[in-house]
Amino acid sequence: HFVVTSKKLSPPEVYVELGGQGQELWPRE
């Protein structure tokens, strides 16, 4: 589980690298 600021999540917008293997956008919360 991920701790979040709100259970209501926005569309994915924050750039995240997954162990250098992939890139994704995740919700700001």
Full PDB file with SEQRES, HELIX, SHEET, SSBOND, CRYST1, ORIGX, SCALE, CONECT and MASTER records, all heavy atoms in Angstrom:
SEQRES   1 A   29  HIS PHE VAL VAL THR SER LYS LYS LEU SER PRO PRO GLU          
SEQRES   2 A   29  VAL TYR VAL GLU LEU GLY GLY GLN GLY GLN GLU LEU TRP          
SEQRES   3 A   29  PRO ARG GLU                                                  
SHEET    1 AA1 2 VAL A  14  GLU A  17  0                                        
SHEET    2 AA1 2 GLN A  23  TRP A  26 -1                                        
CRYST1    1.000    1.000    1.000  90.00  90.00  90.00 P 1           1          
ORIGX1      1.000000  0.000000  0.000000        0.00000                         
ORIGX2      0.000000  1.000000  0.000000        0.00000                         
ORIGX3      0.000000  0.000000  1.000000        0.00000                         
SCALE1      1.000000  0.000000  0.000000        0.00000                         
SCALE2      0.000000  1.000000  0.000000        0.00000                         
SCALE3      0.000000  0.000000  1.000000        0.00000                         
ATOM      1  N   HIS A   1       0.833  -1.199   0.000  1.00  0.00           N  
ATOM      2  CA  HIS A   1       0.000   0.000   0.000  1.00  0.00           C  
ATOM      3  C   HIS A   1       0.868   1.248   0.000  1.00  0.00           C  
ATOM      4  O   HIS A   1       1.973   1.241   0.530  1.00  0.00           O  
ATOM      5  CB  HIS A   1      -0.887   0.032   1.256  1.00  0.00           C  
ATOM      6  CG  HIS A   1      -1.899  -1.063   1.290  1.00  0.00           C  
ATOM      7  ND1 HIS A   1      -1.602  -2.341   1.696  1.00  0.00           N  
ATOM      8  CD2 HIS A   1      -3.204  -1.067   0.964  1.00  0.00           C  
ATOM      9  CE1 HIS A   1      -2.688  -3.084   1.618  1.00  0.00           C  
ATOM     10  NE2 HIS A   1      -3.676  -2.338   1.183  1.00  0.00           N  
ATOM     11  N   PHE A   2       0.311   2.310  -0.557  1.00  0.00           N  
ATOM     12  CA  PHE A   2       0.947   3.616  -0.548  1.00  0.00           C  
ATOM     13  C   PHE A   2       0.143   4.541   0.362  1.00  0.00           C  
ATOM     14  O   PHE A   2      -1.085   4.551   0.304  1.00  0.00           O  
ATOM     15  CB  PHE A   2       0.958   4.225  -1.957  1.00  0.00           C  
ATOM     16  CG  PHE A   2       1.862   3.516  -2.916  1.00  0.00           C  
ATOM     17  CD1 PHE A   2       1.425   2.402  -3.609  1.00  0.00           C  
ATOM     18  CD2 PHE A   2       3.154   3.971  -3.122  1.00  0.00           C  
ATOM     19  CE1 PHE A   2       2.255   1.747  -4.506  1.00  0.00           C  
ATOM     20  CE2 PHE A   2       3.995   3.322  -4.007  1.00  0.00           C  
ATOM     21  CZ  PHE A   2       3.546   2.200  -4.706  1.00  0.00           C  
ATOM     22  N   VAL A   3       0.846   5.318   1.192  1.00  0.00           N  
ATOM     23  CA  VAL A   3       0.150   6.324   1.994  1.00  0.00           C  
ATOM     24  C   VAL A   3      -0.207   7.465   1.042  1.00  0.00           C  
ATOM     25  O   VAL A   3       0.556   7.788   0.125  1.00  0.00           O  
ATOM     26  CB  VAL A   3       1.002   6.792   3.202  1.00  0.00           C  
ATOM     27  CG1 VAL A   3       2.208   7.586   2.794  1.00  0.00           C  
ATOM     28  CG2 VAL A   3       0.173   7.564   4.192  1.00  0.00           C  
ATOM     29  N   VAL A   4      -1.404   8.027   1.229  1.00  0.00           N  
ATOM     30  CA  VAL A   4      -1.885   9.090   0.337  1.00  0.00           C  
ATOM     31  C   VAL A   4      -2.429  10.257   1.154  1.00  0.00           C  
ATOM     32  O   VAL A   4      -2.770  10.106   2.325  1.00  0.00           O  
ATOM     33  CB  VAL A   4      -2.987   8.561  -0.620  1.00  0.00           C  
ATOM     34  CG1 VAL A   4      -2.425   7.567  -1.616  1.00  0.00           C  
ATOM     35  CG2 VAL A   4      -4.155   7.953   0.139  1.00  0.00           C  
ATOM     36  N   THR A   5      -2.518  11.396   0.504  1.00  0.00           N  
ATOM     37  CA  THR A   5      -3.077  12.578   1.165  1.00  0.00           C  
ATOM     38  C   THR A   5      -4.599  12.579   1.095  1.00  0.00           C  
ATOM     39  O   THR A   5      -5.248  13.257   1.876  1.00  0.00           O  
ATOM     40  CB  THR A   5      -2.552  13.879   0.533  1.00  0.00           C  
ATOM     41  OG1 THR A   5      -2.863  13.873  -0.864  1.00  0.00           O  
ATOM     42  CG2 THR A   5      -1.043  14.009   0.741  1.00  0.00           C  
ATOM     43  N   SER A   6      -5.166  11.820   0.154  1.00  0.00           N  
ATOM     44  CA  SER A   6      -6.613  11.742  -0.014  1.00  0.00           C  
ATOM     45  C   SER A   6      -6.950  10.437  -0.727  1.00  0.00           C  
ATOM     46  O   SER A   6      -6.205   9.998  -1.593  1.00  0.00           O  
ATOM     47  CB  SER A   6      -7.108  12.922  -0.848  1.00  0.00           C  
ATOM     48  OG  SER A   6      -8.465  12.750  -1.206  1.00  0.00           O  
ATOM     49  N   LYS A   7      -8.068   9.822  -0.356  1.00  0.00           N  
ATOM     50  CA  LYS A   7      -8.520   8.605  -1.039  1.00  0.00           C  
ATOM     51  C   LYS A   7      -9.045   8.927  -2.436  1.00  0.00           C  
ATOM     52  O   LYS A   7      -9.113   8.069  -3.292  1.00  0.00           O  
ATOM     53  CB  LYS A   7      -9.608   7.908  -0.230  1.00  0.00           C  
ATOM     54  CG  LYS A   7      -9.094   7.282   1.039  1.00  0.00           C  
ATOM     55  CD  LYS A   7      -8.529   5.923   0.742  1.00  0.00           C  
ATOM     56  CE  LYS A   7      -8.399   5.148   2.044  1.00  0.00           C  
ATOM     57  NZ  LYS A   7      -8.136   3.765   1.799  1.00  0.00           N  
ATOM     58  N   LYS A   8      -9.440  10.190  -2.653  1.00  0.00           N  
ATOM     59  CA  LYS A   8      -9.877  10.608  -3.977  1.00  0.00           C  
ATOM     60  C   LYS A   8      -8.629  11.028  -4.749  1.00  0.00           C  
ATOM     61  O   LYS A   8      -7.974  12.009  -4.399  1.00  0.00           O  
ATOM     62  CB  LYS A   8     -10.867  11.770  -3.887  1.00  0.00           C  
ATOM     63  CG  LYS A   8     -11.387  12.171  -5.231  1.00  0.00           C  
ATOM     64  CD  LYS A   8     -12.438  13.244  -5.132  1.00  0.00           C  
ATOM     65  CE  LYS A   8     -12.868  13.573  -6.558  1.00  0.00           C  
ATOM     66  NZ  LYS A   8     -13.909  14.536  -6.610  1.00  0.00           N  
ATOM     67  N   LEU A   9      -8.301  10.262  -5.785  1.00  0.00           N  
ATOM     68  CA  LEU A   9      -7.053  10.474  -6.513  1.00  0.00           C  
ATOM     69  C   LEU A   9      -7.289  11.212  -7.823  1.00  0.00           C  
ATOM     70  O   LEU A   9      -8.254  10.948  -8.537  1.00  0.00           O  
ATOM     71  CB  LEU A   9      -6.375   9.132  -6.789  1.00  0.00           C  
ATOM     72  CG  LEU A   9      -6.072   8.276  -5.555  1.00  0.00           C  
ATOM     73  CD1 LEU A   9      -5.483   6.936  -5.970  1.00  0.00           C  
ATOM     74  CD2 LEU A   9      -5.152   9.002  -4.589  1.00  0.00           C  
ATOM     75  N   SER A  10      -6.369  12.106  -8.123  1.00  0.00           N  
ATOM     76  CA  SER A  10      -6.413  12.869  -9.369  1.00  0.00           C  
ATOM     77  C   SER A  10      -5.857  12.014 -10.512  1.00  0.00           C  
ATOM     78  O   SER A  10      -5.266  10.961 -10.271  1.00  0.00           O  
ATOM     79  CB  SER A  10      -5.583  14.147  -9.207  1.00  0.00           C  
ATOM     80  OG  SER A  10      -4.243  13.820  -8.897  1.00  0.00           O  
ATOM     81  N   PRO A  11      -6.013  12.473 -11.739  1.00  0.00           N  
ATOM     82  CA  PRO A  11      -5.397  11.753 -12.860  1.00  0.00           C  
ATOM     83  C   PRO A  11      -3.877  11.724 -12.699  1.00  0.00           C  
ATOM     84  O   PRO A  11      -3.293  12.612 -12.070  1.00  0.00           O  
ATOM     85  CB  PRO A  11      -5.798  12.580 -14.085  1.00  0.00           C  
ATOM     86  CG  PRO A  11      -6.998  13.350 -13.652  1.00  0.00           C  
ATOM     87  CD  PRO A  11      -6.818  13.610 -12.186  1.00  0.00           C  
ATOM     88  N   PRO A  12      -3.204  10.716 -13.257  1.00  0.00           N  
ATOM     89  CA  PRO A  12      -1.742  10.620 -13.159  1.00  0.00           C  
ATOM     90  C   PRO A  12      -1.046  11.826 -13.781  1.00  0.00           C  
ATOM     91  O   PRO A  12      -1.370  12.213 -14.899  1.00  0.00           O  
ATOM     92  CB  PRO A  12      -1.413   9.353 -13.946  1.00  0.00           C  
ATOM     93  CG  PRO A  12      -2.692   8.620 -14.107  1.00  0.00           C  
ATOM     94  CD  PRO A  12      -3.785   9.623 -14.019  1.00  0.00           C  
ATOM     95  N   GLU A  13      -0.091  12.428 -13.020  1.00  0.00           N  
ATOM     96  CA  GLU A  13       0.626  13.593 -13.541  1.00  0.00           C  
ATOM     97  C   GLU A  13       2.062  13.711 -13.034  1.00  0.00           C  
ATOM     98  O   GLU A  13       2.845  14.464 -13.597  1.00  0.00           O  
ATOM     99  CB  GLU A  13      -0.137  14.872 -13.205  1.00  0.00           C  
ATOM    100  CG  GLU A  13      -0.242  15.141 -11.710  1.00  0.00           C  
ATOM    101  CD  GLU A  13      -0.967  16.430 -11.396  1.00  0.00           C  
ATOM    102  OE1 GLU A  13      -0.364  17.500 -11.569  1.00  0.00           O  
ATOM    103  OE2 GLU A  13      -2.130  16.348 -10.980  1.00  0.00           O  
ATOM    104  N   VAL A  14       2.437  12.973 -11.980  1.00  0.00           N  
ATOM    105  CA  VAL A  14       3.780  13.100 -11.425  1.00  0.00           C  
ATOM    106  C   VAL A  14       4.672  12.005 -12.010  1.00  0.00           C  
ATOM    107  O   VAL A  14       4.362  10.814 -11.912  1.00  0.00           O  
ATOM    108  CB  VAL A  14       3.765  13.004  -9.883  1.00  0.00           C  
ATOM    109  CG1 VAL A  14       5.181  13.117  -9.325  1.00  0.00           C  
ATOM    110  CG2 VAL A  14       2.862  14.072  -9.288  1.00  0.00           C  
ATOM    111  N   TYR A  15       5.780  12.432 -12.597  1.00  0.00           N  
ATOM    112  CA  TYR A  15       6.726  11.510 -13.235  1.00  0.00           C  
ATOM    113  C   TYR A  15       7.466  10.680 -12.191  1.00  0.00           C  
ATOM    114  O   TYR A  15       8.025  11.228 -11.245  1.00  0.00           O  
ATOM    115  CB  TYR A  15       7.724  12.322 -14.070  1.00  0.00           C  
ATOM    116  CG  TYR A  15       8.774  11.494 -14.737  1.00  0.00           C  
ATOM    117  CD1 TYR A  15       8.506  10.839 -15.932  1.00  0.00           C  
ATOM    118  CD2 TYR A  15      10.046  11.370 -14.181  1.00  0.00           C  
ATOM    119  CE1 TYR A  15       9.473  10.080 -16.557  1.00  0.00           C  
ATOM    120  CE2 TYR A  15      11.020  10.615 -14.798  1.00  0.00           C  
ATOM    121  CZ  TYR A  15      10.729   9.969 -15.988  1.00  0.00           C  
ATOM    122  OH  TYR A  15      11.690   9.210 -16.600  1.00  0.00           O  
ATOM    123  N   VAL A  16       7.459   9.353 -12.387  1.00  0.00           N  
ATOM    124  CA  VAL A  16       8.118   8.427 -11.465  1.00  0.00           C  
ATOM    125  C   VAL A  16       8.946   7.432 -12.278  1.00  0.00           C  
ATOM    126  O   VAL A  16       8.460   6.883 -13.270  1.00  0.00           O  
ATOM    127  CB  VAL A  16       7.064   7.647 -10.638  1.00  0.00           C  
ATOM    128  CG1 VAL A  16       7.711   6.588  -9.774  1.00  0.00           C  
ATOM    129  CG2 VAL A  16       6.236   8.593  -9.796  1.00  0.00           C  
ATOM    130  N   GLU A  17      10.197   7.222 -11.860  1.00  0.00           N  
ATOM    131  CA  GLU A  17      11.011   6.163 -12.463  1.00  0.00           C  
ATOM    132  C   GLU A  17      10.924   4.947 -11.566  1.00  0.00           C  
ATOM    133  O   GLU A  17      11.112   5.045 -10.358  1.00  0.00           O  
ATOM    134  CB  GLU A  17      12.468   6.608 -12.607  1.00  0.00           C  
ATOM    135  CG  GLU A  17      12.665   7.546 -13.755  1.00  0.00           C  
ATOM    136  CD  GLU A  17      14.124   7.688 -14.142  1.00  0.00           C  
ATOM    137  OE1 GLU A  17      14.886   6.716 -14.029  1.00  0.00           O  
ATOM    138  OE2 GLU A  17      14.481   8.800 -14.550  1.00  0.00           O  
ATOM    139  N   LEU A  18      10.645   3.801 -12.150  1.00  0.00           N  
ATOM    140  CA  LEU A  18      10.475   2.564 -11.399  1.00  0.00           C  
ATOM    141  C   LEU A  18      11.774   1.764 -11.418  1.00  0.00           C  
ATOM    142  O   LEU A  18      11.975   0.919 -12.275  1.00  0.00           O  
ATOM    143  CB  LEU A  18       9.323   1.743 -11.992  1.00  0.00           C  
ATOM    144  CG  LEU A  18       8.001   2.507 -12.102  1.00  0.00           C  
ATOM    145  CD1 LEU A  18       6.987   1.714 -12.891  1.00  0.00           C  
ATOM    146  CD2 LEU A  18       7.483   2.829 -10.718  1.00  0.00           C  
ATOM    147  N   GLY A  19      12.649   2.064 -10.476  1.00  0.00           N  
ATOM    148  CA  GLY A  19      13.924   1.351 -10.387  1.00  0.00           C  
ATOM    149  C   GLY A  19      14.772   1.463 -11.631  1.00  0.00           C  
ATOM    150  O   GLY A  19      15.552   0.578 -11.930  1.00  0.00           O  
ATOM    151  N   GLY A  20      14.605   2.531 -12.383  1.00  0.00           N  
ATOM    152  CA  GLY A  20      15.371   2.713 -13.605  1.00  0.00           C  
ATOM    153  C   GLY A  20      14.891   1.847 -14.758  1.00  0.00           C  
ATOM    154  O   GLY A  20      15.457   1.874 -15.836  1.00  0.00           O  
ATOM    155  N   GLN A  21      13.843   1.060 -14.535  1.00  0.00           N  
ATOM    156  CA  GLN A  21      13.356   0.131 -15.553  1.00  0.00           C  
ATOM    157  C   GLN A  21      12.196   0.678 -16.377  1.00  0.00           C  
ATOM    158  O   GLN A  21      11.937   0.208 -17.464  1.00  0.00           O  
ATOM    159  CB  GLN A  21      12.920  -1.185 -14.899  1.00  0.00           C  
ATOM    160  CG  GLN A  21      14.021  -1.862 -14.128  1.00  0.00           C  
ATOM    161  CD  GLN A  21      15.209  -2.197 -15.014  1.00  0.00           C  
ATOM    162  OE1 GLN A  21      15.051  -2.781 -16.065  1.00  0.00           O  
ATOM    163  NE2 GLN A  21      16.396  -1.797 -14.589  1.00  0.00           N  
ATOM    164  N   GLY A  22      11.464   1.615 -15.838  1.00  0.00           N  
ATOM    165  CA  GLY A  22      10.314   2.150 -16.549  1.00  0.00           C  
ATOM    166  C   GLY A  22       9.947   3.503 -15.992  1.00  0.00           C  
ATOM    167  O   GLY A  22      10.418   3.895 -14.921  1.00  0.00           O  
ATOM    168  N   GLN A  23       9.124   4.204 -16.728  1.00  0.00           N  
ATOM    169  CA  GLN A  23       8.670   5.511 -16.296  1.00  0.00           C  
ATOM    170  C   GLN A  23       7.149   5.523 -16.364  1.00  0.00           C  
ATOM    171  O   GLN A  23       6.556   4.994 -17.297  1.00  0.00           O  
ATOM    172  CB  GLN A  23       9.234   6.614 -17.195  1.00  0.00           C  
ATOM    173  CG  GLN A  23      10.737   6.742 -17.162  1.00  0.00           C  
ATOM    174  CD  GLN A  23      11.436   5.882 -18.201  1.00  0.00           C  
ATOM    175  OE1 GLN A  23      10.950   5.709 -19.293  1.00  0.00           O  
ATOM    176  NE2 GLN A  23      12.584   5.351 -17.847  1.00  0.00           N  
ATOM    177  N   GLU A  24       6.553   6.145 -15.344  1.00  0.00           N  
ATOM    178  CA  GLU A  24       5.105   6.271 -15.278  1.00  0.00           C  
ATOM    179  C   GLU A  24       4.729   7.636 -14.717  1.00  0.00           C  
ATOM    180  O   GLU A  24       5.562   8.305 -14.111  1.00  0.00           O  
ATOM    181  CB  GLU A  24       4.496   5.195 -14.358  1.00  0.00           C  
ATOM    182  CG  GLU A  24       4.614   3.797 -14.870  1.00  0.00           C  
ATOM    183  CD  GLU A  24       3.940   2.777 -13.965  1.00  0.00           C  
ATOM    184  OE1 GLU A  24       3.599   3.087 -12.799  1.00  0.00           O  
ATOM    185  OE2 GLU A  24       3.755   1.659 -14.448  1.00  0.00           O  
ATOM    186  N   LEU A  25       3.476   7.987 -14.891  1.00  0.00           N  
ATOM    187  CA  LEU A  25       2.885   9.136 -14.227  1.00  0.00           C  
ATOM    188  C   LEU A  25       1.951   8.588 -13.167  1.00  0.00           C  
ATOM    189  O   LEU A  25       1.208   7.631 -13.425  1.00  0.00           O  
ATOM    190  CB  LEU A  25       2.111  10.004 -15.221  1.00  0.00           C  
ATOM    191  CG  LEU A  25       2.915  10.611 -16.365  1.00  0.00           C  
ATOM    192  CD1 LEU A  25       2.000  11.407 -17.295  1.00  0.00           C  
ATOM    193  CD2 LEU A  25       4.040  11.494 -15.848  1.00  0.00           C  
ATOM    194  N   TRP A  26       2.008   9.177 -11.952  1.00  0.00           N  
ATOM    195  CA  TRP A  26       1.173   8.744 -10.831  1.00  0.00           C  
ATOM    196  C   TRP A  26       0.355   9.917 -10.318  1.00  0.00           C  
ATOM    197  O   TRP A  26       0.741  11.078 -10.486  1.00  0.00           O  
ATOM    198  CB  TRP A  26       2.047   8.225  -9.695  1.00  0.00           C  
ATOM    199  CG  TRP A  26       2.651   6.877  -9.916  1.00  0.00           C  
ATOM    200  CD1 TRP A  26       2.609   6.117 -11.055  1.00  0.00           C  
ATOM    201  CD2 TRP A  26       3.408   6.122  -8.981  1.00  0.00           C  
ATOM    202  NE1 TRP A  26       3.292   4.951 -10.871  1.00  0.00           N  
ATOM    203  CE2 TRP A  26       3.792   4.925  -9.597  1.00  0.00           C  
ATOM    204  CE3 TRP A  26       3.797   6.346  -7.677  1.00  0.00           C  
ATOM    205  CZ2 TRP A  26       4.538   3.942  -8.959  1.00  0.00           C  
ATOM    206  CZ3 TRP A  26       4.548   5.375  -7.024  1.00  0.00           C  
ATOM    207  CH2 TRP A  26       4.910   4.183  -7.667  1.00  0.00           C  
ATOM    208  N   PRO A  27      -0.756   9.621  -9.626  1.00  0.00           N  
ATOM    209  CA  PRO A  27      -1.563  10.701  -9.033  1.00  0.00           C  
ATOM    210  C   PRO A  27      -0.772  11.487  -7.982  1.00  0.00           C  
ATOM    211  O   PRO A  27       0.043  10.930  -7.238  1.00  0.00           O  
ATOM    212  CB  PRO A  27      -2.729   9.960  -8.370  1.00  0.00           C  
ATOM    213  CG  PRO A  27      -2.809   8.662  -9.084  1.00  0.00           C  
ATOM    214  CD  PRO A  27      -1.390   8.315  -9.448  1.00  0.00           C  
ATOM    215  N   ARG A  28      -1.030  12.764  -7.927  1.00  0.00           N  
ATOM    216  CA  ARG A  28      -0.362  13.683  -6.997  1.00  0.00           C  
ATOM    217  C   ARG A  28      -0.546  13.290  -5.533  1.00  0.00           C  
ATOM    218  O   ARG A  28       0.316  13.544  -4.701  1.00  0.00           O  
ATOM    219  CB  ARG A  28      -0.981  15.057  -7.241  1.00  0.00           C  
ATOM    220  CG  ARG A  28      -0.167  16.213  -6.822  1.00  0.00           C  
ATOM    221  CD  ARG A  28      -0.925  17.471  -7.175  1.00  0.00           C  
ATOM    222  NE  ARG A  28      -0.329  18.488  -7.948  1.00  0.00           N  
ATOM    223  CZ  ARG A  28       0.942  18.846  -8.014  1.00  0.00           C  
ATOM    224  NH1 ARG A  28       1.825  18.188  -7.387  1.00  0.00           N  
ATOM    225  NH2 ARG A  28       1.339  19.858  -8.721  1.00  0.00           N  
ATOM    226  N   GLU A  29      -1.669  12.663  -5.197  1.00  0.00           N  
ATOM    227  CA  GLU A  29      -1.978  12.326  -3.802  1.00  0.00           C  
ATOM    228  C   GLU A  29      -1.071  11.239  -3.229  1.00  0.00           C  
ATOM    229  O   GLU A  29      -1.071  11.007  -2.027  1.00  0.00           O  
ATOM    230  CB  GLU A  29      -3.449  11.901  -3.686  1.00  0.00           C  
ATOM    231  CG  GLU A  29      -4.434  13.018  -3.952  1.00  0.00           C  
ATOM    232  CD  GLU A  29      -4.631  13.324  -5.434  1.00  0.00           C  
ATOM    233  OE1 GLU A  29      -4.221  12.509  -6.309  1.00  0.00           O  
ATOM    234  OE2 GLU A  29      -5.189  14.389  -5.729  1.00  0.00           O  
TER     235      GLU A  29                                                      
MASTER        0    0    0    0    2    0    0    6  234    1    0    3          
END                                                                             
